[in-house]
N, C-alpha and C. Protein backbone atom coordinates (compact mmCIF):
# COMPACT_ATOMS: atom_id res chain seq x y z
N MET A 1 19.31 -17.99 2.47
CA MET A 1 18.02 -17.88 2.70
C MET A 1 17.35 -16.55 1.82
N ARG A 2 18.37 -15.72 1.35
CA ARG A 2 18.02 -14.40 0.64
C ARG A 2 17.76 -14.74 -0.76
N VAL A 3 18.24 -16.09 -1.41
CA VAL A 3 18.01 -16.66 -2.70
C VAL A 3 16.42 -16.99 -2.59
N VAL A 4 16.21 -17.67 -1.36
CA VAL A 4 14.76 -18.26 -1.37
C VAL A 4 13.57 -16.92 -1.50
N VAL A 5 14.04 -15.89 -0.62
CA VAL A 5 13.08 -14.81 -0.55
C VAL A 5 13.03 -14.22 -2.09
N GLN A 6 14.27 -13.90 -2.81
CA GLN A 6 14.29 -13.34 -4.03
C GLN A 6 13.58 -14.36 -4.97
N ALA A 7 13.60 -15.52 -4.95
CA ALA A 7 12.84 -16.38 -5.74
C ALA A 7 11.32 -16.39 -5.60
N ALA A 8 10.98 -16.53 -4.19
CA ALA A 8 9.61 -16.13 -3.93
C ALA A 8 8.84 -14.92 -4.40
N PHE A 9 9.69 -13.76 -4.30
CA PHE A 9 9.36 -12.57 -4.57
C PHE A 9 9.02 -12.59 -6.31
N ALA A 10 9.93 -13.12 -7.08
CA ALA A 10 9.83 -13.34 -8.55
C ALA A 10 8.59 -13.96 -8.93
N ILE A 11 8.62 -15.35 -8.22
CA ILE A 11 7.29 -16.18 -8.65
C ILE A 11 5.96 -15.42 -8.15
N ARG A 12 5.70 -14.76 -7.07
CA ARG A 12 4.62 -14.08 -6.74
C ARG A 12 4.19 -12.86 -7.74
N ARG A 13 5.37 -12.14 -7.86
CA ARG A 13 5.30 -11.20 -8.95
C ARG A 13 4.62 -11.62 -10.23
N ARG A 14 5.25 -12.65 -10.72
CA ARG A 14 4.64 -13.31 -12.11
C ARG A 14 3.37 -13.61 -12.00
N LEU A 15 2.96 -14.30 -10.89
CA LEU A 15 1.65 -15.01 -10.70
C LEU A 15 0.70 -13.75 -10.71
N LEU A 16 0.88 -12.85 -9.95
CA LEU A 16 -0.13 -11.53 -9.58
C LEU A 16 -0.22 -10.89 -11.00
N GLY A 17 0.79 -10.84 -11.71
CA GLY A 17 0.59 -9.99 -13.05
C GLY A 17 -0.26 -10.88 -14.09
N MET A 18 0.16 -12.25 -14.15
CA MET A 18 -0.68 -13.04 -15.07
C MET A 18 -2.10 -13.31 -14.59
N LEU A 19 -2.43 -13.23 -13.35
CA LEU A 19 -3.92 -13.42 -13.04
C LEU A 19 -4.69 -12.10 -12.59
N ARG A 20 -4.04 -10.98 -12.59
CA ARG A 20 -4.32 -9.72 -12.48
C ARG A 20 -5.35 -9.76 -11.11
N ILE A 21 -4.52 -10.15 -10.01
CA ILE A 21 -5.20 -10.24 -8.74
C ILE A 21 -5.10 -8.73 -8.19
N ARG A 22 -6.09 -8.39 -7.50
CA ARG A 22 -5.92 -7.15 -6.65
C ARG A 22 -5.44 -7.52 -5.41
N THR A 23 -4.54 -6.66 -5.25
CA THR A 23 -3.70 -6.95 -3.74
C THR A 23 -3.86 -5.32 -3.07
N ARG A 24 -3.46 -5.49 -1.92
CA ARG A 24 -3.56 -4.24 -0.94
C ARG A 24 -2.26 -4.22 -0.20
N GLY A 25 -1.63 -3.07 -0.20
CA GLY A 25 -0.25 -2.88 0.55
C GLY A 25 -0.52 -1.85 1.52
N VAL A 26 0.70 -1.58 2.35
CA VAL A 26 0.98 -0.61 3.10
C VAL A 26 2.38 -0.18 2.98
N LYS A 27 2.52 1.28 3.04
CA LYS A 27 3.79 1.62 3.17
C LYS A 27 3.69 2.75 4.47
N VAL A 28 4.89 3.09 5.14
CA VAL A 28 4.87 3.76 6.07
C VAL A 28 6.02 4.91 6.21
N LEU A 29 5.82 6.17 6.22
CA LEU A 29 6.71 7.35 6.55
C LEU A 29 6.89 7.53 7.89
N LEU A 30 8.24 6.52 8.26
CA LEU A 30 8.48 6.37 9.61
C LEU A 30 9.50 7.30 9.94
N PHE A 31 9.28 8.26 11.02
CA PHE A 31 10.18 9.40 11.45
C PHE A 31 10.78 9.08 12.78
N LYS A 32 11.99 9.30 13.09
CA LYS A 32 12.57 9.79 14.31
C LYS A 32 12.04 10.95 14.78
N ASP A 33 12.01 11.09 16.32
CA ASP A 33 11.75 11.94 16.97
C ASP A 33 12.40 13.44 16.29
N SER A 34 13.44 13.33 15.81
CA SER A 34 14.39 14.41 15.08
C SER A 34 13.77 14.86 13.70
N GLY A 35 13.00 14.05 13.44
CA GLY A 35 12.42 14.44 11.94
C GLY A 35 13.00 13.82 10.91
N GLU A 36 14.08 12.74 11.16
CA GLU A 36 14.52 12.15 9.95
C GLU A 36 13.61 10.69 9.55
N LEU A 37 13.60 10.74 8.29
CA LEU A 37 12.63 9.58 7.74
C LEU A 37 13.55 8.30 7.47
N LEU A 38 13.07 7.18 7.82
CA LEU A 38 13.56 5.81 7.48
C LEU A 38 13.31 5.41 6.36
N LEU A 39 14.56 5.01 5.62
CA LEU A 39 14.26 4.16 4.23
C LEU A 39 14.99 3.03 4.34
N ILE A 40 14.38 2.10 3.52
CA ILE A 40 15.12 0.80 3.43
C ILE A 40 15.40 0.15 1.99
N ARG A 41 16.28 -0.52 1.86
CA ARG A 41 16.50 -1.43 0.68
C ARG A 41 16.31 -2.68 0.90
N ASN A 42 15.42 -3.35 0.09
CA ASN A 42 15.09 -4.60 0.13
C ASN A 42 16.14 -5.69 -0.36
N SER A 43 16.13 -6.69 0.24
CA SER A 43 16.79 -7.77 -0.21
C SER A 43 16.29 -8.54 -1.65
N TYR A 44 15.23 -8.14 -2.28
CA TYR A 44 14.64 -8.64 -3.30
C TYR A 44 14.05 -7.87 -4.15
N GLY A 45 13.62 -7.82 -5.35
CA GLY A 45 13.25 -6.71 -6.41
C GLY A 45 14.46 -6.03 -6.69
N ASN A 46 14.38 -4.77 -6.82
CA ASN A 46 15.27 -3.73 -7.09
C ASN A 46 15.95 -3.40 -5.88
N ARG A 47 17.05 -4.16 -5.59
CA ARG A 47 17.53 -3.97 -4.22
C ARG A 47 18.58 -2.69 -4.15
N ASN A 48 18.68 -2.04 -5.23
CA ASN A 48 19.63 -0.91 -5.19
C ASN A 48 18.69 0.31 -4.70
N LEU A 49 17.38 0.47 -4.66
CA LEU A 49 16.48 1.48 -4.59
C LEU A 49 16.22 1.71 -3.11
N PHE A 50 16.32 2.74 -2.36
CA PHE A 50 15.60 3.01 -1.31
C PHE A 50 14.28 3.30 -1.21
N VAL A 51 13.56 2.55 -0.48
CA VAL A 51 12.03 2.64 -0.39
C VAL A 51 11.38 2.85 1.00
N LEU A 52 10.16 3.20 0.95
CA LEU A 52 9.55 3.25 2.32
C LEU A 52 9.40 1.80 2.96
N PRO A 53 9.43 1.64 4.14
CA PRO A 53 9.10 0.10 4.72
C PRO A 53 7.56 -0.22 4.65
N GLY A 54 7.11 -1.27 4.43
CA GLY A 54 5.92 -1.60 4.33
C GLY A 54 5.68 -3.21 3.73
N GLY A 55 4.30 -3.53 3.37
CA GLY A 55 4.34 -4.72 2.81
C GLY A 55 2.79 -5.19 2.57
N ALA A 56 2.31 -6.24 2.53
CA ALA A 56 1.04 -6.79 2.31
C ALA A 56 0.00 -6.49 3.40
N VAL A 57 -0.99 -6.29 2.92
CA VAL A 57 -2.10 -6.33 4.03
C VAL A 57 -2.85 -7.71 3.88
N GLY A 58 -2.90 -8.22 5.09
CA GLY A 58 -3.59 -9.85 5.06
C GLY A 58 -5.05 -9.66 4.75
N ARG A 59 -5.65 -10.75 4.41
CA ARG A 59 -6.80 -11.04 3.94
C ARG A 59 -8.21 -10.34 4.74
N ARG A 60 -7.95 -10.39 5.99
CA ARG A 60 -9.13 -9.85 7.02
C ARG A 60 -8.37 -8.93 7.84
N GLU A 61 -7.42 -8.28 7.41
CA GLU A 61 -6.51 -7.26 8.40
C GLU A 61 -6.86 -5.95 7.60
N ALA A 62 -6.81 -4.96 8.75
CA ALA A 62 -7.04 -3.66 8.67
C ALA A 62 -5.65 -3.05 8.11
N PRO A 63 -5.76 -2.03 7.25
CA PRO A 63 -4.35 -1.53 6.83
C PRO A 63 -3.57 -0.94 7.84
N GLU A 64 -4.15 -0.23 9.04
CA GLU A 64 -3.34 0.10 10.16
C GLU A 64 -2.78 -0.94 10.94
N ALA A 65 -3.23 -1.95 11.04
CA ALA A 65 -2.56 -3.35 11.75
C ALA A 65 -1.62 -3.69 10.86
N ALA A 66 -1.76 -3.90 9.56
CA ALA A 66 -0.84 -4.15 8.78
C ALA A 66 0.61 -3.49 8.83
N ALA A 67 0.22 -1.93 8.76
CA ALA A 67 1.13 -0.84 8.88
C ALA A 67 2.11 -1.33 10.03
N ALA A 68 1.56 -1.48 11.12
CA ALA A 68 2.08 -1.75 12.58
C ALA A 68 3.01 -2.91 12.54
N ARG A 69 2.04 -3.94 11.96
CA ARG A 69 2.74 -5.40 11.97
C ARG A 69 4.19 -5.22 11.01
N GLU A 70 3.99 -4.92 9.85
CA GLU A 70 5.10 -4.82 8.88
C GLU A 70 6.44 -4.03 9.59
N ILE A 71 6.04 -3.13 10.17
CA ILE A 71 7.15 -2.31 11.03
C ILE A 71 7.89 -3.02 11.89
N ARG A 72 6.95 -3.69 12.58
CA ARG A 72 7.57 -4.58 13.74
C ARG A 72 8.28 -5.60 13.14
N GLU A 73 7.76 -6.58 12.14
CA GLU A 73 8.36 -7.51 11.45
C GLU A 73 9.74 -7.16 10.85
N GLU A 74 9.75 -6.26 9.91
CA GLU A 74 11.10 -5.68 9.21
C GLU A 74 12.06 -5.06 10.11
N LEU A 75 11.44 -4.12 11.06
CA LEU A 75 12.52 -3.41 11.91
C LEU A 75 12.58 -3.45 13.20
N ASP A 76 11.73 -4.45 13.85
CA ASP A 76 11.59 -4.69 15.39
C ASP A 76 11.34 -3.17 15.98
N VAL A 77 10.38 -2.53 15.41
CA VAL A 77 10.19 -1.37 16.19
C VAL A 77 8.80 -1.21 16.27
N ILE A 78 8.27 -0.67 17.42
CA ILE A 78 6.83 -0.31 17.68
C ILE A 78 6.68 1.23 17.12
N VAL A 79 5.38 1.13 16.34
CA VAL A 79 4.97 2.49 15.96
C VAL A 79 4.08 3.16 16.79
N ARG A 80 4.43 4.59 17.07
CA ARG A 80 3.32 5.44 17.62
C ARG A 80 2.79 6.60 16.91
N MET A 81 1.73 6.99 17.04
CA MET A 81 0.99 8.14 16.25
C MET A 81 0.81 7.79 14.77
N LEU A 82 0.52 6.59 14.58
CA LEU A 82 0.09 6.00 13.09
C LEU A 82 -0.90 6.69 12.69
N THR A 83 -0.65 7.35 11.43
CA THR A 83 -1.57 8.29 10.87
C THR A 83 -1.92 8.12 9.41
N PRO A 84 -3.00 7.83 9.04
CA PRO A 84 -3.27 7.88 7.62
C PRO A 84 -3.04 8.98 6.87
N PHE A 85 -2.19 8.77 5.72
CA PHE A 85 -1.71 9.75 4.89
C PHE A 85 -2.43 9.83 3.52
N GLY A 86 -2.52 8.73 2.87
CA GLY A 86 -3.21 8.51 1.53
C GLY A 86 -3.31 7.27 1.11
N THR A 87 -4.17 7.01 0.00
CA THR A 87 -4.48 5.79 -0.36
C THR A 87 -4.06 5.96 -2.00
N TYR A 88 -3.42 5.08 -2.50
CA TYR A 88 -3.02 5.13 -3.81
C TYR A 88 -3.29 3.64 -4.76
N LEU A 89 -3.53 4.04 -6.05
CA LEU A 89 -3.74 2.98 -6.91
C LEU A 89 -2.49 3.00 -7.96
N SER A 90 -2.06 1.47 -8.04
CA SER A 90 -0.87 1.24 -8.96
C SER A 90 -1.14 0.13 -9.66
N GLY A 91 -0.63 0.13 -10.89
CA GLY A 91 -0.67 -0.84 -11.88
C GLY A 91 0.72 -1.26 -12.15
N ALA A 92 1.68 -1.12 -11.33
CA ALA A 92 3.13 -1.46 -11.47
C ALA A 92 3.21 -2.98 -11.21
N GLU A 93 4.10 -3.53 -11.94
CA GLU A 93 4.31 -5.00 -12.00
C GLU A 93 3.52 -5.78 -12.30
N GLY A 94 2.48 -5.17 -13.12
CA GLY A 94 1.23 -6.10 -13.85
C GLY A 94 0.24 -6.27 -12.98
N LYS A 95 0.11 -5.79 -11.71
CA LYS A 95 -1.11 -6.01 -10.75
C LYS A 95 -1.79 -5.00 -10.54
N ARG A 96 -2.89 -5.12 -9.89
CA ARG A 96 -4.00 -4.04 -9.45
C ARG A 96 -3.77 -4.07 -7.86
N ASP A 97 -3.07 -2.85 -7.39
CA ASP A 97 -2.76 -2.76 -6.12
C ASP A 97 -3.48 -1.35 -5.63
N THR A 98 -3.76 -1.42 -4.32
CA THR A 98 -4.30 -0.32 -3.50
C THR A 98 -3.24 -0.34 -2.41
N ILE A 99 -2.51 0.87 -2.40
CA ILE A 99 -1.46 1.27 -1.27
C ILE A 99 -1.97 2.00 -0.29
N HIS A 100 -1.96 1.88 0.89
CA HIS A 100 -2.45 2.64 1.90
C HIS A 100 -1.03 3.16 2.62
N VAL A 101 -0.78 4.50 2.59
CA VAL A 101 0.14 5.27 3.38
C VAL A 101 0.05 5.74 4.54
N PHE A 102 1.11 5.52 5.52
CA PHE A 102 0.69 6.22 6.79
C PHE A 102 1.97 6.97 7.17
N SER A 103 1.74 7.92 8.18
CA SER A 103 2.92 8.39 8.87
C SER A 103 2.81 8.05 10.04
N ALA A 104 4.02 7.95 10.76
CA ALA A 104 4.33 7.37 12.25
C ALA A 104 5.62 7.74 12.68
N LYS A 105 5.67 7.60 13.94
CA LYS A 105 6.95 7.92 14.71
C LYS A 105 7.47 6.55 15.37
N ALA A 106 8.70 6.18 15.25
CA ALA A 106 9.41 5.04 15.59
C ALA A 106 9.65 5.07 17.25
N GLU A 107 9.21 4.12 17.68
CA GLU A 107 9.39 3.95 19.28
C GLU A 107 10.79 2.97 19.56
N GLY A 108 11.92 3.74 19.68
CA GLY A 108 13.17 2.95 20.11
C GLY A 108 14.04 2.83 18.89
N ALA A 109 15.02 2.20 19.07
CA ALA A 109 16.01 1.83 17.95
C ALA A 109 15.63 0.81 16.99
N ILE A 110 15.86 0.98 15.60
CA ILE A 110 15.73 -0.16 14.89
C ILE A 110 16.65 -1.28 14.82
N SER A 111 16.19 -2.56 14.59
CA SER A 111 16.85 -3.68 14.35
C SER A 111 16.53 -4.39 13.17
N PRO A 112 17.07 -3.94 11.94
CA PRO A 112 16.51 -4.56 10.75
C PRO A 112 16.63 -6.12 10.46
N ASP A 113 15.78 -6.73 9.91
CA ASP A 113 15.61 -8.02 9.41
C ASP A 113 16.60 -8.35 8.48
N PRO A 114 17.54 -9.12 8.76
CA PRO A 114 18.80 -9.41 7.91
C PRO A 114 18.19 -10.17 6.67
N ILE A 115 17.44 -10.89 6.54
CA ILE A 115 16.84 -11.65 5.66
C ILE A 115 16.15 -10.92 4.49
N GLU A 116 15.15 -9.97 4.99
CA GLU A 116 14.38 -9.18 4.14
C GLU A 116 15.05 -7.81 3.53
N LEU A 117 15.94 -7.31 4.53
CA LEU A 117 16.36 -6.06 4.23
C LEU A 117 17.96 -5.99 4.06
N GLU A 118 18.26 -5.42 3.09
CA GLU A 118 19.77 -5.19 2.86
C GLU A 118 20.19 -3.97 3.50
N GLU A 119 19.38 -2.92 3.81
CA GLU A 119 20.00 -1.80 4.46
C GLU A 119 18.60 -1.12 4.99
N ALA A 120 18.80 -0.33 6.28
CA ALA A 120 17.77 0.61 6.59
C ALA A 120 18.47 1.73 7.44
N ARG A 121 18.01 2.82 6.96
CA ARG A 121 18.80 4.16 7.50
C ARG A 121 17.77 5.27 7.60
N TYR A 122 18.00 6.30 8.39
CA TYR A 122 17.41 7.44 8.63
C TYR A 122 17.96 8.47 7.74
N PHE A 123 17.17 9.41 7.07
CA PHE A 123 17.79 10.40 6.41
C PHE A 123 17.00 11.60 6.42
N ALA A 124 17.54 12.83 6.43
CA ALA A 124 17.09 14.10 6.72
C ALA A 124 16.23 14.43 5.59
N LEU A 125 15.12 15.08 5.46
CA LEU A 125 14.29 15.28 4.30
C LEU A 125 14.88 16.04 3.12
N ASN A 126 15.91 16.99 3.60
CA ASN A 126 16.67 17.74 2.68
C ASN A 126 18.07 16.87 2.31
N ALA A 127 18.14 15.88 2.54
CA ALA A 127 19.35 15.03 2.22
C ALA A 127 19.08 13.55 1.77
N LEU A 128 18.14 13.31 1.05
CA LEU A 128 17.68 11.89 0.54
C LEU A 128 18.70 11.27 -0.33
N PRO A 129 18.89 10.28 -0.21
CA PRO A 129 19.71 9.49 -1.19
C PRO A 129 19.29 9.58 -2.49
N GLN A 130 20.39 9.43 -3.58
CA GLN A 130 20.25 9.66 -5.08
C GLN A 130 19.36 8.35 -5.35
N ASN A 131 19.46 7.24 -4.89
CA ASN A 131 19.02 6.14 -5.08
C ASN A 131 17.64 5.67 -4.59
N ILE A 132 16.98 6.68 -4.41
CA ILE A 132 15.52 6.63 -4.01
C ILE A 132 14.59 6.30 -4.97
N SER A 133 13.60 5.46 -4.74
CA SER A 133 12.83 5.22 -5.87
C SER A 133 11.80 6.51 -6.21
N PRO A 134 11.31 6.59 -7.39
CA PRO A 134 10.60 7.69 -7.81
C PRO A 134 9.19 7.74 -7.10
N ALA A 135 8.66 6.56 -6.85
CA ALA A 135 7.39 6.53 -5.99
C ALA A 135 7.68 7.05 -4.57
N THR A 136 8.49 6.72 -4.00
CA THR A 136 9.02 7.01 -2.52
C THR A 136 9.45 8.62 -2.51
N LEU A 137 9.92 9.11 -3.52
CA LEU A 137 10.36 10.55 -3.78
C LEU A 137 9.11 11.28 -3.78
N ARG A 138 7.90 10.75 -4.72
CA ARG A 138 6.84 11.45 -4.79
C ARG A 138 5.98 11.48 -3.41
N ARG A 139 6.10 10.51 -2.55
CA ARG A 139 5.52 10.45 -1.37
C ARG A 139 6.05 11.47 -0.36
N VAL A 140 7.27 11.47 -0.54
CA VAL A 140 7.92 12.45 0.66
C VAL A 140 7.71 13.82 0.18
N GLN A 141 7.63 14.29 -1.23
CA GLN A 141 7.25 15.67 -1.86
C GLN A 141 5.94 15.92 -1.45
N GLU A 142 5.07 14.83 -1.42
CA GLU A 142 3.65 15.13 -1.07
C GLU A 142 3.46 15.40 0.45
N PHE A 143 4.01 14.67 1.09
CA PHE A 143 4.09 14.74 2.48
C PHE A 143 4.87 16.17 3.09
N SER A 144 5.70 16.55 2.35
CA SER A 144 6.38 17.91 2.64
C SER A 144 5.66 19.03 1.93
N GLY A 145 4.65 18.79 1.44
CA GLY A 145 3.66 20.03 0.57
C GLY A 145 4.28 20.36 -0.51
N GLN A 146 5.38 19.64 -1.28
CA GLN A 146 5.87 20.09 -2.49
C GLN A 146 5.21 19.83 -3.65
N ARG A 147 4.15 18.80 -3.58
CA ARG A 147 3.35 18.45 -4.73
C ARG A 147 2.14 17.91 -4.08
N PRO A 148 0.91 18.12 -4.73
CA PRO A 148 -0.46 17.60 -4.32
C PRO A 148 -0.38 16.16 -4.35
N ILE A 149 -1.10 15.64 -3.66
CA ILE A 149 -1.34 14.06 -3.62
C ILE A 149 -2.40 13.82 -4.83
N ASP A 150 -2.07 13.08 -5.73
CA ASP A 150 -3.00 12.59 -6.74
C ASP A 150 -3.63 11.25 -6.66
N GLY A 151 -3.07 10.49 -5.79
CA GLY A 151 -3.74 9.13 -5.81
C GLY A 151 -3.24 7.95 -6.56
N ARG A 152 -2.23 8.40 -7.40
CA ARG A 152 -1.58 7.30 -8.45
C ARG A 152 -0.36 7.05 -7.80
N TRP A 153 -0.03 5.72 -7.79
CA TRP A 153 1.36 5.44 -7.08
C TRP A 153 2.49 5.89 -8.02
């Protein structure tokens, strides 16, 4: 099944790049009550990098609803205190993307989707993994006040 997910991701990425379609996505800075941040490694794309959980915003879906839905689908967790953090523009992967970032608290233990995710782990903000994506590291630094929010992914 993971092979199918990887193939679908590659095809979608190529089509979006060729057609220059505008997309909307969400990412969530998801914390435990102890302050640790949840990062994931996807089973598609660059599977070695830890990133923030998230996904696509549906056609008639509000970004807040998409963020809560994506966390529920990927991690089987309910979010509480979902708060908008920033909106970013990205030209990565050849597409025009608007990414809405939220912060939230996780309600209960995570149960990662084994098809979509290779790994999901909590990290202390001062002990992030070496293989964190550059964009994810920038979001964490912005959230921590170590750098200003500039709106570019």
